[in-house]
C-alpha atoms as a PDB file:
ATOM      1  CA  UNK A   1     181.104  87.116  61.929  1.00  0.00           C
ATOM      2  CA  UNK A   2     180.665  85.008  58.835  1.00  0.00           C
ATOM      3  CA  UNK A   3     181.149  85.942  55.203  1.00  0.00           C
ATOM      4  CA  UNK A   4     179.948  83.800  52.340  1.00  0.00           C
ATOM      5  CA  UNK A   5     182.244  84.319  49.373  1.00  0.00           C
ATOM      6  CA  UNK A   6     182.552  82.904  45.940  1.00  0.00           C
ATOM      7  CA  UNK A   7     185.758  82.841  43.908  1.00  0.00           C
ATOM      8  CA  UNK A   8     186.097  85.206  40.988  1.00  0.00           C
ATOM      9  CA  UNK A   9     188.605  85.129  38.179  1.00  0.00           C
ATOM     10  CA  UNK A  10     191.824  86.786  39.187  1.00  0.00           C
ATOM     11  CA  UNK A  11     194.149  86.651  42.131  1.00  0.00           C
ATOM     12  CA  UNK A  12     193.040  87.070  45.732  1.00  0.00           C
ATOM     13  CA  UNK A  13     195.672  88.311  48.148  1.00  0.00           C
ATOM     14  CA  UNK A  14     195.046  87.313  51.737  1.00  0.00           C
ATOM     15  CA  UNK A  15     195.637  90.021  54.308  1.00  0.00           C
ATOM     16  CA  UNK A  16     196.067  88.049  57.572  1.00  0.00           C
ATOM     17  CA  UNK A  17     196.599  91.214  59.624  1.00  0.00           C
ATOM     18  CA  UNK A  18     193.077  92.420  58.834  1.00  0.00           C
ATOM     19  CA  UNK A  19     191.223  89.633  60.634  1.00  0.00           C
ATOM     20  CA  UNK A  20     192.079  86.810  63.012  1.00  0.00           C
ATOM     21  CA  UNK A  21     190.709  83.305  63.392  1.00  0.00           C
ATOM     22  CA  UNK A  22     189.578  82.992  59.803  1.00  0.00           C
ATOM     23  CA  UNK A  23     189.769  80.273  57.194  1.00  0.00           C
ATOM     24  CA  UNK A  24     188.037  79.140  54.026  1.00  0.00           C
ATOM     25  CA  UNK A  25     185.459  76.399  54.562  1.00  0.00           C
ATOM     26  CA  UNK A  26     183.425  74.913  51.700  1.00  0.00           C
ATOM     27  CA  UNK A  27     179.667  75.048  52.319  1.00  0.00           C
ATOM     28  CA  UNK A  28     179.546  71.244  52.326  1.00  0.00           C
ATOM     29  CA  UNK A  29     181.903  71.188  55.333  1.00  0.00           C
ATOM     30  CA  UNK A  30     180.137  73.788  57.503  1.00  0.00           C
ATOM     31  CA  UNK A  31     178.095  71.063  59.222  1.00  0.00           C
ATOM     32  CA  UNK A  32     181.344  69.634  60.646  1.00  0.00           C
ATOM     33  CA  UNK A  33     182.107  72.871  62.502  1.00  0.00           C
ATOM     34  CA  UNK A  34     180.962  73.748  65.989  1.00  0.00           C
ATOM     35  CA  UNK A  35     178.079  76.075  65.103  1.00  0.00           C
ATOM     36  CA  UNK A  36     174.471  76.652  66.095  1.00  0.00           C
ATOM     37  CA  UNK A  37     172.359  73.824  64.623  1.00  0.00           C
ATOM     38  CA  UNK A  38     170.608  76.063  62.078  1.00  0.00           C
ATOM     39  CA  UNK A  39     173.839  77.556  60.727  1.00  0.00           C
ATOM     40  CA  UNK A  40     174.768  74.916  58.084  1.00  0.00           C
ATOM     41  CA  UNK A  41     171.309  75.201  56.505  1.00  0.00           C
ATOM     42  CA  UNK A  42     171.543  79.001  56.550  1.00  0.00           C
ATOM     43  CA  UNK A  43     174.929  78.856  54.781  1.00  0.00           C
ATOM     44  CA  UNK A  44     173.583  76.452  52.169  1.00  0.00           C
ATOM     45  CA  UNK A  45     170.594  78.732  51.513  1.00  0.00           C
ATOM     46  CA  UNK A  46     172.879  81.770  51.171  1.00  0.00           C
ATOM     47  CA  UNK A  47     175.164  79.896  48.753  1.00  0.00           C
ATOM     48  CA  UNK A  48     172.132  78.926  46.660  1.00  0.00           C
ATOM     49  CA  UNK A  49     171.008  82.559  46.637  1.00  0.00           C
ATOM     50  CA  UNK A  50     174.465  83.727  45.531  1.00  0.00           C
ATOM     51  CA  UNK A  51     174.562  81.144  42.748  1.00  0.00           C
ATOM     52  CA  UNK A  52     171.234  82.484  41.434  1.00  0.00           C
ATOM     53  CA  UNK A  53     172.652  86.021  41.433  1.00  0.00           C
ATOM     54  CA  UNK A  54     175.843  85.000  39.664  1.00  0.00           C
ATOM     55  CA  UNK A  55     174.638  85.645  36.069  1.00  0.00           C
ATOM     56  CA  UNK A  56     173.587  89.197  36.961  1.00  0.00           C
ATOM     57  CA  UNK A  57     176.841  89.843  38.837  1.00  0.00           C
ATOM     58  CA  UNK A  58     178.912  88.896  35.810  1.00  0.00           C
ATOM     59  CA  UNK A  59     177.152  91.220  33.380  1.00  0.00           C
END
């Protein structure tokens, strides 16, 4: 399972007991991971989509 997240102002408290085998990876580094070949492009497209939504999410 993959979540694309963006930081928000405030403090994020990690809850390691909730999920295992997780870590933060910048979109630019996804291509270095062992993933299906289309996955890095999918992540980049999702990040672009989220960045376009950002103004509406902050209002």
